[in-house]
Amino acid sequence: MPFGTKAGKLPDAARPTALHERIRADIEERILSGVWPPGHRIPFEHELMEQYGCARMTVNRALSALTAAGLIVRRRRAGSFVAAPRSERALMEIQDFAAEAARDGRPYRHEIRARSVAAVDVAAAEHFGIPAGAQALRLDCRHWIGDLPAAVEDRLILLDAVPQAGEESFVETPPGSWLLSRVPWTRAEHVIRAVNADAALARDLGIARGGACLVLERRTWQADAPVTAVRLSYPGDRHRFVGHFSPSGKAG
């Protein structure tokens, strides 16, 4: 449906006159009315240029204003998407180990210890909470920040949703960062729990057997299709998960 055709739109006299402001207002109207829900893809820049008969700079100016207002997020190569509410984003922020290490001024590295492509078996389906039978890439990865292991990662990437993952080595870019930069997601679920490390996990994380660990289990979807499921295990004394909220419901 073209912009500006739904009931309740601003009267012409009240609409912005500058073209970039009109593009911004049209998109904002659809977001705030709920016509475009969180995760909905905004038309690509070239589509907006064609629709409004304008230059890329004009479209970019409108999208930049919407980004600054927190209404959309722009992902390199993937496009622009309606942002989740701020309180939801605080709970659903997805960690990038390399970015975390850079903020702390420490070196980061990762190692892919195992990879395989197969149909998701019943055990893996129960382990990750996703349907059995789908073709998936399974990755075993360990992350290092400085001289210490930061986490071990057990991940499935559903190849129906992300077929290009089957050809990616993940040697240069860790799986989580690769997915964040290339695959838009619309919904995520986090489960955090505490465990005591068994012998294998203790060895992987460089801690004593029985030591406290934090385990983050996350699933993400694109619309109703699962994209990836991951279990990240962290040394309990080196990590914490923080969310900031106020009584108004706004995230800090």
C-alpha atoms as a PDB file:
ATOM      1  CA  MET A   1       0.000   0.000   0.000  1.00  0.00           C
ATOM      2  CA  PRO A   2       1.536   3.387  -0.927  1.00  0.00           C
ATOM      3  CA  PHE A   3       2.306   5.844   1.849  1.00  0.00           C
ATOM      4  CA  GLY A   4      -0.412   8.266   2.953  1.00  0.00           C
ATOM      5  CA  THR A   5      -3.426   6.209   1.859  1.00  0.00           C
ATOM      6  CA  LYS A   6      -4.620   4.845   5.183  1.00  0.00           C
ATOM      7  CA  ALA A   7      -7.425   6.387   7.223  1.00  0.00           C
ATOM      8  CA  GLY A   8      -6.366   8.884   9.876  1.00  0.00           C
ATOM      9  CA  LYS A   9      -3.375  10.318   8.033  1.00  0.00           C
ATOM     10  CA  LEU A  10      -2.403  13.928   8.593  1.00  0.00           C
ATOM     11  CA  PRO A  11      -4.379  16.466   6.537  1.00  0.00           C
ATOM     12  CA  ASP A  12      -2.384  17.954   3.690  1.00  0.00           C
ATOM     13  CA  ALA A  13      -2.197  21.357   5.389  1.00  0.00           C
ATOM     14  CA  ALA A  14      -0.532  19.807   8.429  1.00  0.00           C
ATOM     15  CA  ARG A  15       2.016  17.699   6.559  1.00  0.00           C
ATOM     16  CA  PRO A  16       5.671  18.773   6.332  1.00  0.00           C
ATOM     17  CA  THR A  17       6.597  20.624   3.158  1.00  0.00           C
ATOM     18  CA  ALA A  18      10.285  19.613   2.905  1.00  0.00           C
ATOM     19  CA  LEU A  19      10.509  16.286   1.102  1.00  0.00           C
ATOM     20  CA  HIS A  20      12.852  14.599   3.589  1.00  0.00           C
ATOM     21  CA  GLU A  21      10.498  15.636   6.402  1.00  0.00           C
ATOM     22  CA  ARG A  22       7.511  14.241   4.514  1.00  0.00           C
ATOM     23  CA  ILE A  23       9.284  10.902   3.962  1.00  0.00           C
ATOM     24  CA  ARG A  24      10.163  10.784   7.656  1.00  0.00           C
ATOM     25  CA  ALA A  25       6.575  11.661   8.656  1.00  0.00           C
ATOM     26  CA  ASP A  26       5.106   9.014   6.335  1.00  0.00           C
ATOM     27  CA  ILE A  27       7.318   6.276   7.780  1.00  0.00           C
ATOM     28  CA  GLU A  28       6.820   7.474  11.355  1.00  0.00           C
ATOM     29  CA  GLU A  29       3.049   7.439  10.843  1.00  0.00           C
ATOM     30  CA  ARG A  30       3.103   3.789   9.818  1.00  0.00           C
ATOM     31  CA  ILE A  31       5.341   2.813  12.731  1.00  0.00           C
ATOM     32  CA  LEU A  32       3.382   4.627  15.427  1.00  0.00           C
ATOM     33  CA  SER A  33       0.043   3.414  14.065  1.00  0.00           C
ATOM     34  CA  GLY A  34       1.216  -0.197  14.269  1.00  0.00           C
ATOM     35  CA  VAL A  35       0.870  -0.790  10.517  1.00  0.00           C
ATOM     36  CA  TRP A  36       4.597  -1.565  10.534  1.00  0.00           C
ATOM     37  CA  PRO A  37       5.388  -3.560  13.734  1.00  0.00           C
ATOM     38  CA  PRO A  38       8.841  -4.018  15.346  1.00  0.00           C
ATOM     39  CA  GLY A  39      11.132  -5.903  12.972  1.00  0.00           C
ATOM     40  CA  HIS A  40       9.272  -4.850   9.813  1.00  0.00           C
ATOM     41  CA  ARG A  41      11.665  -3.985   6.998  1.00  0.00           C
ATOM     42  CA  ILE A  42      11.516  -0.390   5.788  1.00  0.00           C
ATOM     43  CA  PRO A  43      11.627  -0.086   1.980  1.00  0.00           C
ATOM     44  CA  PHE A  44      15.176   0.023   0.674  1.00  0.00           C
ATOM     45  CA  GLU A  45      16.658   3.412  -0.155  1.00  0.00           C
ATOM     46  CA  HIS A  46      16.353   2.845  -3.901  1.00  0.00           C
ATOM     47  CA  GLU A  47      12.673   1.945  -3.449  1.00  0.00           C
ATOM     48  CA  LEU A  48      12.024   5.166  -1.537  1.00  0.00           C
ATOM     49  CA  MET A  49      13.960   7.163  -4.144  1.00  0.00           C
ATOM     50  CA  GLU A  50      11.760   5.760  -6.877  1.00  0.00           C
ATOM     51  CA  GLN A  51       8.541   6.279  -4.915  1.00  0.00           C
ATOM     52  CA  TYR A  52       9.259   9.890  -3.988  1.00  0.00           C
ATOM     53  CA  GLY A  53      11.241  10.846  -7.093  1.00  0.00           C
ATOM     54  CA  CYS A  54      14.162  12.158  -5.069  1.00  0.00           C
ATOM     55  CA  ALA A  55      17.898  11.778  -4.530  1.00  0.00           C
ATOM     56  CA  ARG A  56      19.518   9.260  -2.201  1.00  0.00           C
ATOM     57  CA  MET A  57      20.670  12.109   0.055  1.00  0.00           C
ATOM     58  CA  THR A  58      17.058  13.110   0.697  1.00  0.00           C
ATOM     59  CA  VAL A  59      16.060   9.562   1.647  1.00  0.00           C
ATOM     60  CA  ASN A  60      19.154   9.123   3.784  1.00  0.00           C
ATOM     61  CA  ARG A  61      18.369  12.328   5.652  1.00  0.00           C
ATOM     62  CA  ALA A  62      14.882  11.038   6.493  1.00  0.00           C
ATOM     63  CA  LEU A  63      16.159   7.632   7.618  1.00  0.00           C
ATOM     64  CA  SER A  64      18.906   9.224   9.714  1.00  0.00           C
ATOM     65  CA  ALA A  65      16.292  11.307  11.543  1.00  0.00           C
ATOM     66  CA  LEU A  66      14.213   8.201  12.242  1.00  0.00           C
ATOM     67  CA  THR A  67      17.304   6.377  13.501  1.00  0.00           C
ATOM     68  CA  ALA A  68      18.194   9.268  15.814  1.00  0.00           C
ATOM     69  CA  ALA A  69      14.632   9.178  17.175  1.00  0.00           C
ATOM     70  CA  GLY A  70      14.998   5.476  17.958  1.00  0.00           C
ATOM     71  CA  LEU A  71      12.193   4.437  15.607  1.00  0.00           C
ATOM     72  CA  ILE A  72      14.283   2.389  13.181  1.00  0.00           C
ATOM     73  CA  VAL A  73      17.569   0.532  13.191  1.00  0.00           C
ATOM     74  CA  ARG A  74      19.816   0.378  10.152  1.00  0.00           C
ATOM     75  CA  ARG A  75      21.857  -2.768   9.505  1.00  0.00           C
ATOM     76  CA  ARG A  76      24.669  -2.803   7.002  1.00  0.00           C
ATOM     77  CA  ARG A  77      23.659  -4.706   3.849  1.00  0.00           C
ATOM     78  CA  ALA A  78      20.389  -5.890   5.394  1.00  0.00           C
ATOM     79  CA  GLY A  79      18.492  -2.588   5.315  1.00  0.00           C
ATOM     80  CA  SER A  80      16.422  -0.640   7.848  1.00  0.00           C
ATOM     81  CA  PHE A  81      13.916  -2.135  10.274  1.00  0.00           C
ATOM     82  CA  VAL A  82      11.339  -0.876  12.729  1.00  0.00           C
ATOM     83  CA  ALA A  83      12.999  -0.821  16.157  1.00  0.00           C
ATOM     84  CA  ALA A  84      11.711  -2.706  19.175  1.00  0.00           C
ATOM     85  CA  PRO A  85      10.554  -0.579  22.127  1.00  0.00           C
ATOM     86  CA  ARG A  86      13.490   0.578  24.228  1.00  0.00           C
ATOM     87  CA  SER A  87      12.513  -1.465  27.281  1.00  0.00           C
ATOM     88  CA  GLU A  88      12.383  -4.577  25.088  1.00  0.00           C
ATOM     89  CA  ARG A  89      15.725  -3.804  23.475  1.00  0.00           C
ATOM     90  CA  ALA A  90      17.369  -3.580  26.898  1.00  0.00           C
ATOM     91  CA  LEU A  91      16.322  -7.151  27.608  1.00  0.00           C
ATOM     92  CA  MET A  92      17.068  -8.453  24.131  1.00  0.00           C
ATOM     93  CA  GLU A  93      20.396  -6.819  23.335  1.00  0.00           C
ATOM     94  CA  ILE A  94      22.621  -9.403  21.705  1.00  0.00           C
ATOM     95  CA  GLN A  95      26.239  -9.473  22.784  1.00  0.00           C
ATOM     96  CA  ASP A  96      29.134  -8.911  20.421  1.00  0.00           C
ATOM     97  CA  PHE A  97      32.290 -10.257  22.092  1.00  0.00           C
ATOM     98  CA  ALA A  98      34.656  -8.341  19.799  1.00  0.00           C
ATOM     99  CA  ALA A  99      32.878  -5.051  20.511  1.00  0.00           C
ATOM    100  CA  GLU A 100      32.939  -5.753  24.246  1.00  0.00           C
ATOM    101  CA  ALA A 101      36.674  -6.441  24.169  1.00  0.00           C
ATOM    102  CA  ALA A 102      37.313  -3.281  22.115  1.00  0.00           C
ATOM    103  CA  ARG A 103      35.405  -1.161  24.651  1.00  0.00           C
ATOM    104  CA  ASP A 104      37.617  -2.549  27.415  1.00  0.00           C
ATOM    105  CA  GLY A 105      40.802  -2.115  25.381  1.00  0.00           C
ATOM    106  CA  ARG A 106      41.576  -5.835  25.419  1.00  0.00           C
ATOM    107  CA  PRO A 107      42.381  -8.191  22.552  1.00  0.00           C
ATOM    108  CA  TYR A 108      39.723 -10.592  21.334  1.00  0.00           C
ATOM    109  CA  ARG A 109      39.980 -13.870  19.470  1.00  0.00           C
ATOM    110  CA  HIS A 110      37.801 -16.899  18.840  1.00  0.00           C
ATOM    111  CA  GLU A 111      38.264 -20.455  17.662  1.00  0.00           C
ATOM    112  CA  ILE A 112      35.848 -22.688  15.780  1.00  0.00           C
ATOM    113  CA  ARG A 113      36.473 -26.058  17.374  1.00  0.00           C
ATOM    114  CA  ALA A 114      33.904 -28.079  15.440  1.00  0.00           C
ATOM    115  CA  ARG A 115      31.310 -27.624  12.702  1.00  0.00           C
ATOM    116  CA  SER A 116      28.854 -29.949  11.019  1.00  0.00           C
ATOM    117  CA  VAL A 117      25.763 -29.785   8.815  1.00  0.00           C
ATOM    118  CA  ALA A 118      22.943 -32.227   9.488  1.00  0.00           C
ATOM    119  CA  ALA A 119      19.247 -32.496  10.174  1.00  0.00           C
ATOM    120  CA  VAL A 120      18.404 -31.422  13.719  1.00  0.00           C
ATOM    121  CA  ASP A 121      18.000 -34.632  15.701  1.00  0.00           C
ATOM    122  CA  VAL A 122      15.626 -35.097  18.621  1.00  0.00           C
ATOM    123  CA  ALA A 123      18.323 -34.517  21.231  1.00  0.00           C
ATOM    124  CA  ALA A 124      19.445 -31.252  19.639  1.00  0.00           C
ATOM    125  CA  ALA A 125      15.841 -30.167  19.162  1.00  0.00           C
ATOM    126  CA  GLU A 126      15.176 -30.662  22.865  1.00  0.00           C
ATOM    127  CA  HIS A 127      18.512 -29.067  23.794  1.00  0.00           C
ATOM    128  CA  PHE A 128      17.784 -25.914  21.779  1.00  0.00           C
ATOM    129  CA  GLY A 129      13.987 -25.903  21.817  1.00  0.00           C
ATOM    130  CA  ILE A 130      13.553 -25.914  18.030  1.00  0.00           C
ATOM    131  CA  PRO A 131      11.808 -28.320  15.611  1.00  0.00           C
ATOM    132  CA  ALA A 132      13.561 -31.576  14.760  1.00  0.00           C
ATOM    133  CA  GLY A 133      14.371 -32.482  11.167  1.00  0.00           C
ATOM    134  CA  ALA A 134      15.437 -29.063   9.841  1.00  0.00           C
ATOM    135  CA  GLN A 135      18.852 -28.774   8.151  1.00  0.00           C
ATOM    136  CA  ALA A 136      21.197 -26.828  10.388  1.00  0.00           C
ATOM    137  CA  LEU A 137      24.820 -25.841  10.756  1.00  0.00           C
ATOM    138  CA  ARG A 138      26.109 -26.647  14.240  1.00  0.00           C
ATOM    139  CA  LEU A 139      29.119 -24.775  15.580  1.00  0.00           C
ATOM    140  CA  ASP A 140      31.267 -25.241  18.669  1.00  0.00           C
ATOM    141  CA  CYS A 141      33.130 -21.993  19.337  1.00  0.00           C
ATOM    142  CA  ARG A 142      35.253 -20.638  22.168  1.00  0.00           C
ATOM    143  CA  HIS A 143      35.739 -16.909  22.773  1.00  0.00           C
ATOM    144  CA  TRP A 144      38.761 -15.295  24.415  1.00  0.00           C
ATOM    145  CA  ILE A 145      39.058 -11.783  25.825  1.00  0.00           C
ATOM    146  CA  GLY A 146      42.606 -11.048  26.844  1.00  0.00           C
ATOM    147  CA  ASP A 147      44.306 -14.200  28.095  1.00  0.00           C
ATOM    148  CA  LEU A 148      41.181 -15.805  29.550  1.00  0.00           C
ATOM    149  CA  PRO A 149      38.328 -17.762  27.978  1.00  0.00           C
ATOM    150  CA  ALA A 150      35.233 -15.542  27.962  1.00  0.00           C
ATOM    151  CA  ALA A 151      32.622 -18.107  26.907  1.00  0.00           C
ATOM    152  CA  VAL A 152      31.982 -21.309  25.016  1.00  0.00           C
ATOM    153  CA  GLU A 153      29.288 -21.275  22.360  1.00  0.00           C
ATOM    154  CA  ASP A 154      27.157 -24.143  21.093  1.00  0.00           C
ATOM    155  CA  ARG A 155      25.087 -22.818  18.186  1.00  0.00           C
ATOM    156  CA  LEU A 156      22.680 -24.030  15.542  1.00  0.00           C
ATOM    157  CA  ILE A 157      21.976 -21.905  12.459  1.00  0.00           C
ATOM    158  CA  LEU A 158      18.912 -22.983  10.495  1.00  0.00           C
ATOM    159  CA  LEU A 159      19.959 -23.207   6.857  1.00  0.00           C
ATOM    160  CA  ASP A 160      16.440 -22.671   5.494  1.00  0.00           C
ATOM    161  CA  ALA A 161      16.605 -19.191   7.054  1.00  0.00           C
ATOM    162  CA  VAL A 162      20.332 -18.500   6.463  1.00  0.00           C
ATOM    163  CA  PRO A 163      21.564 -20.669   3.562  1.00  0.00           C
ATOM    164  CA  GLN A 164      24.749 -18.619   3.125  1.00  0.00           C
ATOM    165  CA  ALA A 165      25.939 -19.748   6.573  1.00  0.00           C
ATOM    166  CA  GLY A 166      26.671 -23.167   5.109  1.00  0.00           C
ATOM    167  CA  GLU A 167      29.513 -21.696   3.029  1.00  0.00           C
ATOM    168  CA  GLU A 168      30.912 -19.404   5.741  1.00  0.00           C
ATOM    169  CA  SER A 169      34.027 -20.494   7.641  1.00  0.00           C
ATOM    170  CA  PHE A 170      33.560 -18.047  10.567  1.00  0.00           C
ATOM    171  CA  VAL A 171      37.335 -17.945  10.912  1.00  0.00           C
ATOM    172  CA  GLU A 172      37.525 -14.183  10.448  1.00  0.00           C
ATOM    173  CA  THR A 173      34.207 -13.242  12.088  1.00  0.00           C
ATOM    174  CA  PRO A 174      32.586 -15.138  14.982  1.00  0.00           C
ATOM    175  CA  PRO A 175      29.114 -16.577  14.344  1.00  0.00           C
ATOM    176  CA  GLY A 176      27.176 -14.125  16.504  1.00  0.00           C
ATOM    177  CA  SER A 177      28.794 -11.062  14.951  1.00  0.00           C
ATOM    178  CA  TRP A 178      28.355 -12.506  11.456  1.00  0.00           C
ATOM    179  CA  LEU A 179      24.636 -13.068  12.032  1.00  0.00           C
ATOM    180  CA  LEU A 180      24.118  -9.617  13.568  1.00  0.00           C
ATOM    181  CA  SER A 181      25.625  -7.913  10.537  1.00  0.00           C
ATOM    182  CA  ARG A 182      23.807  -9.939   7.877  1.00  0.00           C
ATOM    183  CA  VAL A 183      20.544 -11.416   9.114  1.00  0.00           C
ATOM    184  CA  PRO A 184      17.636  -9.286  10.348  1.00  0.00           C
ATOM    185  CA  TRP A 185      15.698 -10.801  13.234  1.00  0.00           C
ATOM    186  CA  THR A 186      12.310  -9.787  14.556  1.00  0.00           C
ATOM    187  CA  ARG A 187      12.022 -11.651  17.848  1.00  0.00           C
ATOM    188  CA  ALA A 188      14.319 -13.165  20.437  1.00  0.00           C
ATOM    189  CA  GLU A 189      14.015 -15.183  23.625  1.00  0.00           C
ATOM    190  CA  HIS A 190      16.616 -15.248  26.385  1.00  0.00           C
ATOM    191  CA  VAL A 191      16.816 -17.722  29.251  1.00  0.00           C
ATOM    192  CA  ILE A 192      19.549 -17.222  31.872  1.00  0.00           C
ATOM    193  CA  ARG A 193      20.402 -19.814  34.488  1.00  0.00           C
ATOM    194  CA  ALA A 194      23.217 -20.819  36.813  1.00  0.00           C
ATOM    195  CA  VAL A 195      25.064 -24.137  36.571  1.00  0.00           C
ATOM    196  CA  ASN A 196      28.103 -25.752  38.130  1.00  0.00           C
ATOM    197  CA  ALA A 197      30.774 -26.627  35.596  1.00  0.00           C
ATOM    198  CA  ASP A 198      31.333 -30.274  34.800  1.00  0.00           C
ATOM    199  CA  ALA A 199      34.834 -31.456  33.929  1.00  0.00           C
ATOM    200  CA  ALA A 200      34.595 -30.539  30.224  1.00  0.00           C
ATOM    201  CA  LEU A 201      33.108 -27.084  30.761  1.00  0.00           C
ATOM    202  CA  ALA A 202      35.576 -26.332  33.546  1.00  0.00           C
ATOM    203  CA  ARG A 203      38.458 -27.222  31.241  1.00  0.00           C
ATOM    204  CA  ASP A 204      37.043 -25.087  28.422  1.00  0.00           C
ATOM    205  CA  LEU A 205      36.568 -22.028  30.628  1.00  0.00           C
ATOM    206  CA  GLY A 206      39.743 -22.411  32.682  1.00  0.00           C
ATOM    207  CA  ILE A 207      37.932 -22.728  36.013  1.00  0.00           C
ATOM    208  CA  ALA A 208      37.705 -25.362  38.750  1.00  0.00           C
ATOM    209  CA  ARG A 209      35.349 -28.276  38.308  1.00  0.00           C
ATOM    210  CA  GLY A 210      32.079 -27.425  40.036  1.00  0.00           C
ATOM    211  CA  GLY A 211      32.736 -23.710  39.626  1.00  0.00           C
ATOM    212  CA  ALA A 212      29.774 -21.377  39.105  1.00  0.00           C
ATOM    213  CA  CYS A 213      28.803 -20.579  35.514  1.00  0.00           C
ATOM    214  CA  LEU A 214      26.177 -18.428  33.858  1.00  0.00           C
ATOM    215  CA  VAL A 215      24.411 -20.017  30.905  1.00  0.00           C
ATOM    216  CA  LEU A 216      22.536 -17.866  28.403  1.00  0.00           C
ATOM    217  CA  GLU A 217      20.228 -19.723  26.039  1.00  0.00           C
ATOM    218  CA  ARG A 218      18.867 -17.629  23.190  1.00  0.00           C
ATOM    219  CA  ARG A 219      16.635 -18.264  20.202  1.00  0.00           C
ATOM    220  CA  THR A 220      15.935 -15.728  17.474  1.00  0.00           C
ATOM    221  CA  TRP A 221      13.300 -15.681  14.752  1.00  0.00           C
ATOM    222  CA  GLN A 222      12.623 -13.828  11.519  1.00  0.00           C
ATOM    223  CA  ALA A 223       8.842 -13.498  11.530  1.00  0.00           C
ATOM    224  CA  ASP A 224       7.804 -17.037  12.600  1.00  0.00           C
ATOM    225  CA  ALA A 225      10.847 -18.828  11.145  1.00  0.00           C
ATOM    226  CA  PRO A 226      13.666 -19.765  13.562  1.00  0.00           C
ATOM    227  CA  VAL A 227      17.043 -18.317  12.551  1.00  0.00           C
ATOM    228  CA  THR A 228      19.466 -19.510  15.217  1.00  0.00           C
ATOM    229  CA  ALA A 229      19.604 -21.072  18.659  1.00  0.00           C
ATOM    230  CA  VAL A 230      22.640 -20.781  20.888  1.00  0.00           C
ATOM    231  CA  ARG A 231      23.827 -21.775  24.331  1.00  0.00           C
ATOM    232  CA  LEU A 232      26.600 -19.550  25.718  1.00  0.00           C
ATOM    233  CA  SER A 233      28.351 -20.632  28.918  1.00  0.00           C
ATOM    234  CA  TYR A 234      30.315 -18.017  30.873  1.00  0.00           C
ATOM    235  CA  PRO A 235      32.588 -18.201  33.946  1.00  0.00           C
ATOM    236  CA  GLY A 236      30.328 -16.936  36.725  1.00  0.00           C
ATOM    237  CA  ASP A 237      32.911 -14.662  38.330  1.00  0.00           C
ATOM    238  CA  ARG A 238      33.769 -12.836  35.091  1.00  0.00           C
ATOM    239  CA  HIS A 239      30.347 -11.893  33.713  1.00  0.00           C
ATOM    240  CA  ARG A 240      27.047 -10.315  34.643  1.00  0.00           C
ATOM    241  CA  PHE A 241      23.915  -9.333  32.730  1.00  0.00           C
ATOM    242  CA  VAL A 242      22.527  -5.878  33.473  1.00  0.00           C
ATOM    243  CA  GLY A 243      19.303  -4.132  32.446  1.00  0.00           C
ATOM    244  CA  HIS A 244      18.274  -0.634  33.558  1.00  0.00           C
ATOM    245  CA  PHE A 245      14.622   0.331  33.989  1.00  0.00           C
ATOM    246  CA  SER A 246      12.569   3.117  35.519  1.00  0.00           C
ATOM    247  CA  PRO A 247       8.996   3.045  36.911  1.00  0.00           C
ATOM    248  CA  SER A 248       7.815   4.577  33.634  1.00  0.00           C
ATOM    249  CA  GLY A 249       8.981   1.458  31.788  1.00  0.00           C
ATOM    250  CA  LYS A 250      11.794   3.254  29.957  1.00  0.00           C
ATOM    251  CA  ALA A 251      15.129   1.497  29.754  1.00  0.00           C
ATOM    252  CA  GLY A 252      18.227   3.151  31.122  1.00  0.00           C
END
